[in-house]
Structure formats: structure tokens, C-alpha cells
Amino acid sequence: MKDEYGNSCIAMLCLAEGIQFMINQIIEAYRVELKKYCYTLAGTPWDGNDLYQNAVVKLLKNPNPIETHPNPKGYMFKTATNVWRDTLRKSKWEEITSEDAIELPILDNSLLETIEVLLTYLSFKQSSTFLLVEYYGFSMVEVAEMLNMTEG
């Protein structure tokens, strides 16, 4: 039996099965390492397992690059990384577009303007101290050490 191009369908099927077998061998050779990498990347066993499965599916959907790539292990790990990035982007987009999203409070710009005016009247050390304590959350002891001053 031949296809419309005159190629033997049996030969094409054998070639496809041979390529699939080779790809399965490549994936199997690095399976344990890829799984560990996916668990590490995702942070939880559940997300890591999902990531591993999605990465393998992506590798199986487009087998040509992995069979000809000079570094198939690196290609597999990069594929897993890209799948994880896509997952994060998708989940971030879902969070943003969710109807259940909490409305953020509107900032009162008058307060920010007042703080800016206040900082212009203070000396450099005073304004630095204010910002380090109130904005960045450092303790007075830490700020005193940073600015070579006493606490009082």
C-alpha cells in the first residue's frame, strides 16, 4: 500500500515507530533527573508532577528537535522550564482577570504629597532615618548602625 506520494505506508509506519522508540529511550534515560528538576522548579510534588507530565507531552508532540539536538538533556530541561513559565503566566493572567479579585484601595495622594514636603524640610540623615524606619521597616538600632549615629 502506498500513499499519494508513492511512499510505502509500512515503511513510513516503521520509521515513525523507530523514531518514537528512540525518543522514548531519550526521555527514559533522563526521566528521574527531569522529574526531580520539575519538582524543584514547581516547589510542590503535585505541581512538579503536573509540570513533568506537561513537559513530556510537549516533547512527544514535537519529537524532531529532541532526536537531532546535540544536548537532549538540556533540551528537555529547557522545555520543562518554558512549560513552567507558561503555567505561571497563565495563572497570573487568571488571577488578574478573575471576577473574584479584591479591589485594591485607592491611594490618597495628599498623604504622599505631605510626606514628600516633610522630607524636603528634613536633613539628609533625618529623612534617611524616617524612610528606613517607616518605609523599609528597619529598627531604630539597625538604622543607627547604618548611619553611624546613636539611637536617641
N, C-alpha and C. Protein backbone atom coordinates (compact mmCIF):
# COMPACT_ATOMS: atom_id res chain seq x y z
N MET A 1 0.85 -1.17 0.00
CA MET A 1 0.00 0.00 0.00
C MET A 1 0.90 1.24 0.00
N LYS A 2 0.52 2.23 -0.83
CA LYS A 2 1.33 3.44 -0.96
C LYS A 2 0.45 4.66 -0.74
N ASP A 3 1.09 5.75 -0.24
CA ASP A 3 0.34 6.98 -0.06
C ASP A 3 0.32 7.77 -1.36
N GLU A 4 -0.24 8.99 -1.32
CA GLU A 4 -0.38 9.77 -2.55
C GLU A 4 0.96 10.18 -3.15
N TYR A 5 2.05 10.08 -2.40
CA TYR A 5 3.37 10.45 -2.91
C TYR A 5 4.17 9.24 -3.38
N GLY A 6 3.59 8.07 -3.30
CA GLY A 6 4.26 6.86 -3.73
C GLY A 6 5.12 6.22 -2.67
N ASN A 7 5.06 6.70 -1.44
CA ASN A 7 5.85 6.12 -0.35
C ASN A 7 5.11 4.92 0.24
N SER A 8 5.86 3.95 0.64
CA SER A 8 5.28 2.77 1.26
C SER A 8 4.78 3.13 2.65
N CYS A 9 3.53 2.90 2.90
CA CYS A 9 2.94 3.21 4.21
C CYS A 9 3.56 2.37 5.31
N ILE A 10 3.89 1.14 5.01
CA ILE A 10 4.51 0.26 6.00
C ILE A 10 5.89 0.79 6.38
N ALA A 11 6.66 1.25 5.38
CA ALA A 11 7.98 1.80 5.66
C ALA A 11 7.88 3.06 6.49
N MET A 12 6.88 3.91 6.18
CA MET A 12 6.69 5.14 6.95
C MET A 12 6.28 4.82 8.37
N LEU A 13 5.42 3.82 8.54
CA LEU A 13 4.99 3.42 9.87
C LEU A 13 6.16 2.88 10.68
N CYS A 14 7.00 2.07 10.05
CA CYS A 14 8.19 1.54 10.73
C CYS A 14 9.13 2.66 11.12
N LEU A 15 9.32 3.64 10.23
CA LEU A 15 10.19 4.78 10.53
C LEU A 15 9.63 5.58 11.70
N ALA A 16 8.32 5.83 11.68
CA ALA A 16 7.68 6.58 12.76
C ALA A 16 7.81 5.83 14.08
N GLU A 17 7.63 4.53 14.06
CA GLU A 17 7.76 3.74 15.28
C GLU A 17 9.20 3.74 15.78
N GLY A 18 10.16 3.70 14.84
CA GLY A 18 11.57 3.75 15.23
C GLY A 18 11.94 5.07 15.87
N ILE A 19 11.43 6.17 15.30
CA ILE A 19 11.68 7.49 15.87
C ILE A 19 11.05 7.60 17.25
N GLN A 20 9.81 7.12 17.36
CA GLN A 20 9.12 7.16 18.65
C GLN A 20 9.86 6.34 19.70
N PHE A 21 10.37 5.17 19.31
CA PHE A 21 11.14 4.33 20.22
C PHE A 21 12.40 5.06 20.69
N MET A 22 13.08 5.74 19.74
CA MET A 22 14.30 6.47 20.08
C MET A 22 14.00 7.62 21.04
N ILE A 23 12.91 8.33 20.79
CA ILE A 23 12.53 9.44 21.66
C ILE A 23 12.16 8.92 23.05
N ASN A 24 11.44 7.81 23.10
CA ASN A 24 11.10 7.21 24.39
C ASN A 24 12.36 6.81 25.16
N GLN A 25 13.38 6.32 24.46
CA GLN A 25 14.64 5.96 25.11
C GLN A 25 15.33 7.21 25.66
N ILE A 26 15.33 8.29 24.89
CA ILE A 26 15.96 9.53 25.35
C ILE A 26 15.24 10.04 26.59
N ILE A 27 13.92 10.08 26.55
CA ILE A 27 13.15 10.56 27.70
C ILE A 27 13.37 9.65 28.91
N GLU A 28 13.37 8.36 28.69
CA GLU A 28 13.56 7.40 29.79
C GLU A 28 14.95 7.55 30.41
N ALA A 29 15.95 7.87 29.60
CA ALA A 29 17.32 7.99 30.11
C ALA A 29 17.43 9.13 31.13
N TYR A 30 16.65 10.18 30.96
CA TYR A 30 16.73 11.34 31.86
C TYR A 30 15.46 11.53 32.68
N ARG A 31 14.60 10.53 32.72
CA ARG A 31 13.31 10.64 33.39
C ARG A 31 13.43 11.05 34.85
N VAL A 32 14.28 10.36 35.59
CA VAL A 32 14.41 10.62 37.03
C VAL A 32 14.94 12.03 37.28
N GLU A 33 15.97 12.41 36.52
CA GLU A 33 16.54 13.75 36.68
C GLU A 33 15.53 14.83 36.30
N LEU A 34 14.78 14.60 35.21
CA LEU A 34 13.78 15.57 34.77
C LEU A 34 12.68 15.71 35.81
N LYS A 35 12.27 14.60 36.39
CA LYS A 35 11.23 14.62 37.42
C LYS A 35 11.69 15.42 38.64
N LYS A 36 12.93 15.18 39.09
CA LYS A 36 13.48 15.93 40.23
C LYS A 36 13.55 17.41 39.91
N TYR A 37 13.97 17.72 38.69
CA TYR A 37 14.07 19.12 38.27
C TYR A 37 12.69 19.77 38.29
N CYS A 38 11.68 19.06 37.79
CA CYS A 38 10.32 19.60 37.77
C CYS A 38 9.80 19.82 39.18
N TYR A 39 10.08 18.88 40.09
CA TYR A 39 9.65 19.05 41.49
C TYR A 39 10.33 20.26 42.12
N THR A 40 11.62 20.42 41.84
CA THR A 40 12.35 21.56 42.39
C THR A 40 11.82 22.87 41.83
N LEU A 41 11.59 22.89 40.53
CA LEU A 41 11.14 24.10 39.86
C LEU A 41 9.76 24.51 40.35
N ALA A 42 8.87 23.55 40.48
CA ALA A 42 7.49 23.86 40.86
C ALA A 42 7.32 24.08 42.36
N GLY A 43 8.13 23.43 43.17
CA GLY A 43 8.07 23.64 44.61
C GLY A 43 7.20 22.66 45.37
N THR A 44 6.25 22.04 44.71
CA THR A 44 5.41 21.05 45.38
C THR A 44 5.37 19.79 44.52
N PRO A 45 5.17 18.63 45.15
CA PRO A 45 5.10 17.39 44.37
C PRO A 45 3.95 17.38 43.36
N TRP A 46 2.82 17.98 43.73
CA TRP A 46 1.67 17.98 42.83
C TRP A 46 1.95 18.83 41.59
N ASP A 47 2.42 20.05 41.81
CA ASP A 47 2.75 20.91 40.67
C ASP A 47 3.92 20.34 39.87
N GLY A 48 4.87 19.73 40.57
CA GLY A 48 6.02 19.14 39.89
C GLY A 48 5.60 17.99 39.00
N ASN A 49 4.67 17.16 39.47
CA ASN A 49 4.19 16.05 38.67
C ASN A 49 3.42 16.55 37.45
N ASP A 50 2.60 17.58 37.64
CA ASP A 50 1.88 18.17 36.50
C ASP A 50 2.86 18.76 35.50
N LEU A 51 3.86 19.45 36.00
CA LEU A 51 4.87 20.04 35.12
C LEU A 51 5.61 18.96 34.34
N TYR A 52 5.99 17.89 35.01
CA TYR A 52 6.69 16.79 34.34
C TYR A 52 5.83 16.21 33.22
N GLN A 53 4.56 15.95 33.52
CA GLN A 53 3.67 15.38 32.52
C GLN A 53 3.48 16.33 31.33
N ASN A 54 3.28 17.61 31.61
CA ASN A 54 3.11 18.58 30.53
C ASN A 54 4.36 18.72 29.67
N ALA A 55 5.53 18.67 30.31
CA ALA A 55 6.78 18.76 29.56
C ALA A 55 6.97 17.54 28.67
N VAL A 56 6.68 16.35 29.17
CA VAL A 56 6.82 15.14 28.36
C VAL A 56 5.82 15.15 27.20
N VAL A 57 4.61 15.60 27.45
CA VAL A 57 3.63 15.69 26.37
C VAL A 57 4.12 16.65 25.29
N LYS A 58 4.68 17.78 25.71
CA LYS A 58 5.20 18.74 24.73
C LYS A 58 6.36 18.14 23.94
N LEU A 59 7.22 17.39 24.61
CA LEU A 59 8.34 16.74 23.91
C LEU A 59 7.84 15.70 22.92
N LEU A 60 6.80 14.97 23.28
CA LEU A 60 6.27 13.94 22.40
C LEU A 60 5.48 14.51 21.23
N LYS A 61 4.90 15.69 21.42
CA LYS A 61 4.14 16.31 20.34
C LYS A 61 5.05 16.76 19.19
N ASN A 62 6.24 17.21 19.52
CA ASN A 62 7.18 17.69 18.51
C ASN A 62 8.51 16.96 18.70
N PRO A 63 8.63 15.72 18.22
CA PRO A 63 9.80 14.90 18.53
C PRO A 63 11.06 15.26 17.74
N ASN A 64 10.95 15.97 16.63
CA ASN A 64 12.12 16.22 15.78
C ASN A 64 13.27 16.92 16.49
N PRO A 65 13.03 18.00 17.25
CA PRO A 65 14.18 18.69 17.87
C PRO A 65 14.96 17.82 18.86
N ILE A 66 14.26 17.01 19.64
CA ILE A 66 14.96 16.25 20.67
C ILE A 66 15.84 15.15 20.07
N GLU A 67 15.41 14.58 18.95
CA GLU A 67 16.20 13.50 18.37
C GLU A 67 17.44 14.02 17.67
N THR A 68 17.41 15.26 17.21
CA THR A 68 18.57 15.82 16.49
C THR A 68 19.36 16.80 17.34
N HIS A 69 18.88 17.12 18.52
CA HIS A 69 19.55 18.12 19.36
C HIS A 69 20.87 17.56 19.90
N PRO A 70 21.94 18.39 19.90
CA PRO A 70 23.22 17.90 20.40
C PRO A 70 23.23 17.64 21.91
N ASN A 71 22.31 18.27 22.64
CA ASN A 71 22.23 18.08 24.08
C ASN A 71 20.77 17.80 24.46
N PRO A 72 20.30 16.56 24.28
CA PRO A 72 18.88 16.28 24.54
C PRO A 72 18.47 16.52 26.00
N LYS A 73 19.37 16.28 26.93
CA LYS A 73 19.05 16.52 28.35
C LYS A 73 18.78 18.01 28.56
N GLY A 74 19.65 18.85 28.05
CA GLY A 74 19.46 20.29 28.17
C GLY A 74 18.18 20.76 27.50
N TYR A 75 17.88 20.16 26.35
CA TYR A 75 16.65 20.50 25.63
C TYR A 75 15.42 20.13 26.46
N MET A 76 15.47 18.96 27.10
CA MET A 76 14.35 18.53 27.93
C MET A 76 14.16 19.46 29.13
N PHE A 77 15.26 19.85 29.77
CA PHE A 77 15.17 20.72 30.93
C PHE A 77 14.68 22.11 30.52
N LYS A 78 15.13 22.59 29.38
CA LYS A 78 14.69 23.90 28.89
C LYS A 78 13.20 23.85 28.54
N THR A 79 12.75 22.74 27.97
CA THR A 79 11.33 22.58 27.68
C THR A 79 10.52 22.63 28.97
N ALA A 80 10.98 21.94 30.01
CA ALA A 80 10.28 21.96 31.30
C ALA A 80 10.25 23.38 31.87
N THR A 81 11.36 24.10 31.76
CA THR A 81 11.40 25.48 32.24
C THR A 81 10.40 26.35 31.49
N ASN A 82 10.35 26.21 30.18
CA ASN A 82 9.42 27.00 29.38
C ASN A 82 7.97 26.66 29.68
N VAL A 83 7.69 25.37 29.90
CA VAL A 83 6.33 24.96 30.26
C VAL A 83 5.95 25.57 31.61
N TRP A 84 6.89 25.59 32.56
CA TRP A 84 6.61 26.17 33.88
C TRP A 84 6.36 27.67 33.76
N ARG A 85 7.15 28.36 32.94
CA ARG A 85 6.94 29.80 32.73
C ARG A 85 5.57 30.05 32.12
N ASP A 86 5.18 29.24 31.16
CA ASP A 86 3.86 29.39 30.54
C ASP A 86 2.76 29.17 31.58
N THR A 87 2.97 28.19 32.46
CA THR A 87 1.99 27.91 33.51
C THR A 87 1.87 29.10 34.46
N LEU A 88 3.01 29.68 34.83
CA LEU A 88 2.97 30.84 35.73
C LEU A 88 2.30 32.03 35.07
N ARG A 89 2.62 32.27 33.80
CA ARG A 89 1.98 33.37 33.09
C ARG A 89 0.46 33.17 33.02
N LYS A 90 0.06 31.95 32.73
CA LYS A 90 -1.36 31.66 32.62
C LYS A 90 -2.05 31.85 33.96
N SER A 91 -1.45 31.37 35.04
CA SER A 91 -2.07 31.51 36.35
C SER A 91 -2.09 32.97 36.79
N LYS A 92 -1.05 33.72 36.43
CA LYS A 92 -1.02 35.14 36.77
C LYS A 92 -2.13 35.87 36.02
N TRP A 93 -2.32 35.54 34.74
CA TRP A 93 -3.37 36.16 33.95
C TRP A 93 -4.74 35.82 34.51
N GLU A 94 -4.92 34.56 34.96
CA GLU A 94 -6.19 34.16 35.53
C GLU A 94 -6.46 34.92 36.82
N GLU A 95 -5.41 35.17 37.62
CA GLU A 95 -5.59 35.93 38.85
C GLU A 95 -6.02 37.36 38.55
N ILE A 96 -5.41 37.95 37.52
CA ILE A 96 -5.71 39.33 37.19
C ILE A 96 -7.12 39.47 36.64
N THR A 97 -7.52 38.54 35.79
CA THR A 97 -8.82 38.65 35.14
C THR A 97 -9.96 38.01 35.93
N SER A 98 -9.65 37.46 37.09
CA SER A 98 -10.68 36.80 37.89
C SER A 98 -11.72 37.81 38.36
N GLU A 99 -12.99 37.40 38.30
CA GLU A 99 -14.06 38.28 38.78
C GLU A 99 -14.07 38.36 40.30
N ASP A 100 -13.44 37.40 40.95
CA ASP A 100 -13.42 37.37 42.40
C ASP A 100 -12.29 38.22 42.97
N ALA A 101 -11.59 38.93 42.11
CA ALA A 101 -10.43 39.71 42.57
C ALA A 101 -10.88 40.79 43.55
N ILE A 102 -10.05 40.99 44.53
CA ILE A 102 -10.32 42.00 45.54
C ILE A 102 -9.93 43.36 44.96
N GLU A 103 -10.81 44.33 45.14
CA GLU A 103 -10.48 45.66 44.66
C GLU A 103 -9.44 46.28 45.57
N LEU A 104 -8.43 46.85 44.96
CA LEU A 104 -7.37 47.50 45.71
C LEU A 104 -7.84 48.85 46.21
N PRO A 105 -7.43 49.23 47.41
CA PRO A 105 -7.84 50.53 47.91
C PRO A 105 -7.19 51.65 47.09
N ILE A 106 -7.90 52.73 46.96
CA ILE A 106 -7.38 53.88 46.23
C ILE A 106 -6.44 54.63 47.15
N LEU A 107 -5.24 54.91 46.64
CA LEU A 107 -4.25 55.62 47.46
C LEU A 107 -4.63 57.09 47.58
N ASP A 108 -4.39 57.60 48.74
CA ASP A 108 -4.64 59.02 48.98
C ASP A 108 -3.36 59.77 48.64
N ASN A 109 -3.35 60.44 47.50
CA ASN A 109 -2.16 61.15 47.04
C ASN A 109 -1.81 62.32 47.93
N SER A 110 -2.77 62.86 48.64
CA SER A 110 -2.48 64.00 49.50
C SER A 110 -1.52 63.59 50.62
N LEU A 111 -1.65 62.36 51.11
CA LEU A 111 -0.74 61.87 52.15
C LEU A 111 0.67 61.75 51.60
N LEU A 112 0.80 61.21 50.38
CA LEU A 112 2.12 61.09 49.76
C LEU A 112 2.75 62.46 49.53
N GLU A 113 1.95 63.42 49.10
CA GLU A 113 2.46 64.77 48.88
C GLU A 113 2.93 65.39 50.20
N THR A 114 2.18 65.15 51.26
CA THR A 114 2.55 65.67 52.58
C THR A 114 3.88 65.09 53.04
N ILE A 115 4.07 63.79 52.82
CA ILE A 115 5.32 63.15 53.22
C ILE A 115 6.48 63.71 52.39
N GLU A 116 6.26 63.92 51.10
CA GLU A 116 7.32 64.50 50.25
C GLU A 116 7.72 65.89 50.76
N VAL A 117 6.73 66.71 51.09
CA VAL A 117 7.02 68.06 51.61
C VAL A 117 7.78 67.95 52.92
N LEU A 118 7.35 67.05 53.79
CA LEU A 118 8.02 66.85 55.07
C LEU A 118 9.48 66.48 54.85
N LEU A 119 9.75 65.58 53.92
CA LEU A 119 11.11 65.13 53.66
C LEU A 119 11.99 66.25 53.11
N THR A 120 11.41 67.20 52.41
CA THR A 120 12.22 68.32 51.89
C THR A 120 12.69 69.24 53.01
N TYR A 121 11.95 69.29 54.12
CA TYR A 121 12.34 70.14 55.24
C TYR A 121 13.30 69.47 56.20
N LEU A 122 13.46 68.15 56.09
CA LEU A 122 14.35 67.43 56.99
C LEU A 122 15.75 67.35 56.40
N SER A 123 16.73 67.16 57.27
CA SER A 123 18.10 66.97 56.80
C SER A 123 18.22 65.59 56.15
N PHE A 124 19.35 65.33 55.51
CA PHE A 124 19.55 64.05 54.84
C PHE A 124 19.45 62.89 55.82
N LYS A 125 20.13 63.02 56.98
CA LYS A 125 20.10 61.93 57.96
C LYS A 125 18.69 61.74 58.54
N GLN A 126 17.99 62.85 58.76
CA GLN A 126 16.63 62.74 59.30
C GLN A 126 15.68 62.07 58.29
N SER A 127 15.76 62.50 57.04
CA SER A 127 14.88 61.90 56.03
C SER A 127 15.26 60.44 55.78
N SER A 128 16.57 60.13 55.80
CA SER A 128 17.01 58.75 55.63
C SER A 128 16.49 57.89 56.77
N THR A 129 16.58 58.40 57.98
CA THR A 129 16.09 57.68 59.15
C THR A 129 14.59 57.43 59.03
N PHE A 130 13.85 58.45 58.66
CA PHE A 130 12.41 58.32 58.51
C PHE A 130 12.05 57.24 57.49
N LEU A 131 12.68 57.30 56.32
CA LEU A 131 12.38 56.33 55.26
C LEU A 131 12.78 54.92 55.65
N LEU A 132 13.96 54.77 56.27
CA LEU A 132 14.42 53.43 56.64
C LEU A 132 13.53 52.79 57.70
N VAL A 133 13.03 53.60 58.63
CA VAL A 133 12.18 53.06 59.69
C VAL A 133 10.75 52.87 59.21
N GLU A 134 10.16 53.90 58.63
CA GLU A 134 8.74 53.85 58.29
C GLU A 134 8.44 53.11 56.99
N TYR A 135 9.29 53.25 56.00
CA TYR A 135 9.00 52.64 54.71
C TYR A 135 9.62 51.25 54.58
N TYR A 136 10.90 51.13 54.96
CA TYR A 136 11.59 49.86 54.78
C TYR A 136 11.49 48.94 55.99
N GLY A 137 11.04 49.45 57.14
CA GLY A 137 10.77 48.60 58.29
C GLY A 137 11.98 48.23 59.13
N PHE A 138 13.07 48.97 59.01
CA PHE A 138 14.23 48.69 59.85
C PHE A 138 13.96 49.18 61.27
N SER A 139 14.64 48.58 62.24
CA SER A 139 14.52 49.05 63.62
C SER A 139 15.43 50.26 63.81
N MET A 140 15.17 50.98 64.89
CA MET A 140 15.99 52.18 65.17
C MET A 140 17.45 51.79 65.41
N VAL A 141 17.68 50.63 66.03
CA VAL A 141 19.04 50.18 66.29
C VAL A 141 19.77 49.94 64.97
N GLU A 142 19.09 49.27 64.02
CA GLU A 142 19.70 48.98 62.72
C GLU A 142 20.00 50.27 61.96
N VAL A 143 19.09 51.21 62.00
CA VAL A 143 19.27 52.49 61.29
C VAL A 143 20.42 53.26 61.92
N ALA A 144 20.52 53.24 63.25
CA ALA A 144 21.61 53.95 63.93
C ALA A 144 22.96 53.37 63.53
N GLU A 145 23.02 52.05 63.41
CA GLU A 145 24.28 51.41 62.97
C GLU A 145 24.61 51.77 61.54
N MET A 146 23.59 51.77 60.65
CA MET A 146 23.82 52.07 59.23
C MET A 146 24.33 53.50 59.03
N LEU A 147 23.75 54.43 59.80
CA LEU A 147 24.09 55.85 59.61
C LEU A 147 25.16 56.35 60.59
N ASN A 148 25.74 55.44 61.35
CA ASN A 148 26.78 55.79 62.34
C ASN A 148 26.28 56.86 63.29
N MET A 149 25.12 56.61 63.88
CA MET A 149 24.52 57.54 64.82
C MET A 149 24.14 56.79 66.09
N THR A 150 23.71 57.56 67.09
CA THR A 150 23.16 56.92 68.29
C THR A 150 21.66 56.75 68.08
N GLU A 151 21.05 55.91 68.91
CA GLU A 151 19.62 55.66 68.78
C GLU A 151 18.78 56.87 69.12
N GLY A 152 19.16 57.64 70.07
CA GLY A 152 18.35 58.74 70.57
C GLY A 152 18.40 59.90 69.73
